[in-house]
PDB file of N, CA and C in Angstrom:
ATOM      1  N   VAL A   1       0.853  -1.203   0.000  1.00  0.00           N
ATOM      2  CA  VAL A   1       0.000   0.000   0.000  1.00  0.00           C
ATOM      3  C   VAL A   1       0.883   1.245   0.000  1.00  0.00           C
ATOM      4  N   GLU A   2       1.922   1.247   0.823  1.00  0.00           N
ATOM      5  CA  GLU A   2       2.792   2.438   0.888  1.00  0.00           C
ATOM      6  C   GLU A   2       3.447   2.695  -0.470  1.00  0.00           C
ATOM      7  N   SER A   3       3.899   1.606  -1.107  1.00  0.00           N
ATOM      8  CA  SER A   3       4.577   1.767  -2.408  1.00  0.00           C
ATOM      9  C   SER A   3       3.591   2.342  -3.425  1.00  0.00           C
ATOM     10  N   HIS A   4       2.385   1.801  -3.449  1.00  0.00           N
ATOM     11  CA  HIS A   4       1.385   2.283  -4.407  1.00  0.00           C
ATOM     12  C   HIS A   4       1.056   3.749  -4.121  1.00  0.00           C
ATOM     13  N   ARG A   5       0.906   4.064  -2.849  1.00  0.00           N
ATOM     14  CA  ARG A   5       0.557   5.446  -2.477  1.00  0.00           C
ATOM     15  C   ARG A   5       1.689   6.390  -2.896  1.00  0.00           C
ATOM     16  N   ARG A   6       2.910   5.946  -2.678  1.00  0.00           N
ATOM     17  CA  ARG A   6       4.061   6.791  -3.039  1.00  0.00           C
ATOM     18  C   ARG A   6       4.102   7.001  -4.563  1.00  0.00           C
ATOM     19  N   ALA A   7       3.824   5.946  -5.306  1.00  0.00           N
ATOM     20  CA  ALA A   7       3.841   6.060  -6.776  1.00  0.00           C
ATOM     21  C   ALA A   7       2.746   7.029  -7.227  1.00  0.00           C
ATOM     22  N   ALA A   8       1.568   6.903  -6.649  1.00  0.00           N
ATOM     23  CA  ALA A   8       0.457   7.790  -7.026  1.00  0.00           C
ATOM     24  C   ALA A   8       0.814   9.232  -6.681  1.00  0.00           C
ATOM     25  N   ALA A   9       1.422   9.443  -5.527  1.00  0.00           N
ATOM     26  CA  ALA A   9       1.805  10.801  -5.113  1.00  0.00           C
ATOM     27  C   ALA A   9       2.822  11.373  -6.099  1.00  0.00           C
ATOM     28  N   ALA A  10       3.773  10.565  -6.498  1.00  0.00           N
ATOM     29  CA  ALA A  10       4.807  11.039  -7.439  1.00  0.00           C
ATOM     30  C   ALA A  10       4.154  11.401  -8.773  1.00  0.00           C
ATOM     31  N   THR A  11       3.250  10.559  -9.245  1.00  0.00           N
ATOM     32  CA  THR A  11       2.575  10.845 -10.519  1.00  0.00           C
ATOM     33  C   THR A  11       1.763  12.125 -10.401  1.00  0.00           C
ATOM     34  N   ALA A  12       1.005  12.265  -9.319  1.00  0.00           N
ATOM     35  CA  ALA A  12       0.185  13.466  -9.130  1.00  0.00           C
ATOM     36  C   ALA A  12       1.090  14.690  -9.014  1.00  0.00           C
ATOM     37  N   SER A  13       2.185  14.543  -8.273  1.00  0.00           N
ATOM     38  CA  SER A  13       3.105  15.677  -8.101  1.00  0.00           C
ATOM     39  C   SER A  13       3.654  16.106  -9.456  1.00  0.00           C
ATOM     40  N   GLY A  14       4.056  15.138 -10.257  1.00  0.00           N
ATOM     41  CA  GLY A  14       4.612  15.465 -11.574  1.00  0.00           C
ATOM     42  C   GLY A  14       3.553  16.129 -12.449  1.00  0.00           C
ATOM     43  N   LYS A  15       2.349  15.599 -12.419  1.00  0.00           N
ATOM     44  CA  LYS A  15       1.279  16.175 -13.235  1.00  0.00           C
ATOM     45  C   LYS A  15       0.981  17.601 -12.761  1.00  0.00           C
ATOM     46  N   PHE A  16       0.904  17.760 -11.454  1.00  0.00           N
ATOM     47  CA  PHE A  16       0.608  19.093 -10.915  1.00  0.00           C
ATOM     48  C   PHE A  16       1.718  20.068 -11.277  1.00  0.00           C
ATOM     49  N   LYS A  17       2.950  19.625 -11.114  1.00  0.00           N
ATOM     50  CA  LYS A  17       4.094  20.496 -11.418  1.00  0.00           C
ATOM     51  C   LYS A  17       4.051  20.896 -12.896  1.00  0.00           C
ATOM     52  N   ASP A  18       3.739  19.922 -13.751  1.00  0.00           N
ATOM     53  CA  ASP A  18       3.688  20.211 -15.191  1.00  0.00           C
ATOM     54  C   ASP A  18       2.593  21.241 -15.479  1.00  0.00           C
ATOM     55  N   GLU A  19       1.485  21.141 -14.735  1.00  0.00           N
ATOM     56  CA  GLU A  19       0.381  22.075 -14.966  1.00  0.00           C
ATOM     57  C   GLU A  19       0.662  23.429 -14.339  1.00  0.00           C
ATOM     58  N   ILE A  20       1.362  23.415 -13.205  1.00  0.00           N
ATOM     59  CA  ILE A  20       1.664  24.676 -12.510  1.00  0.00           C
ATOM     60  C   ILE A  20       2.741  25.452 -13.262  1.00  0.00           C
ATOM     61  N   VAL A  21       3.701  24.759 -13.843  1.00  0.00           N
ATOM     62  CA  VAL A  21       4.801  25.452 -14.546  1.00  0.00           C
ATOM     63  C   VAL A  21       4.256  26.389 -15.623  1.00  0.00           C
ATOM     64  N   PRO A  22       3.443  25.903 -16.554  1.00  0.00           N
ATOM     65  CA  PRO A  22       2.909  26.778 -17.609  1.00  0.00           C
ATOM     66  C   PRO A  22       2.029  27.882 -17.040  1.00  0.00           C
ATOM     67  N   VAL A  23       1.275  27.583 -16.017  1.00  0.00           N
ATOM     68  CA  VAL A  23       0.379  28.588 -15.430  1.00  0.00           C
ATOM     69  C   VAL A  23       1.204  29.728 -14.854  1.00  0.00           C
ATOM     70  N   GLN A  24       2.285  29.395 -14.137  1.00  0.00           N
ATOM     71  CA  GLN A  24       3.130  30.439 -13.541  1.00  0.00           C
ATOM     72  C   GLN A  24       3.851  31.209 -14.643  1.00  0.00           C
ATOM     73  N   THR A  25       4.270  30.514 -15.673  1.00  0.00           N
ATOM     74  CA  THR A  25       4.993  31.180 -16.764  1.00  0.00           C
ATOM     75  C   THR A  25       4.074  32.200 -17.431  1.00  0.00           C
ATOM     76  N   LYS A  26       2.808  31.830 -17.578  1.00  0.00           N
ATOM     77  CA  LYS A  26       1.832  32.734 -18.205  1.00  0.00           C
ATOM     78  C   LYS A  26       1.584  33.897 -17.261  1.00  0.00           C
TER      79      LYS A  26
END
């Protein structure tokens, strides 16, 4: 469960970061 949760967090973090980067740049 911890491994799965960590993987999901990393994926969400990466997706969020990718979405936040362009928003901040704009």
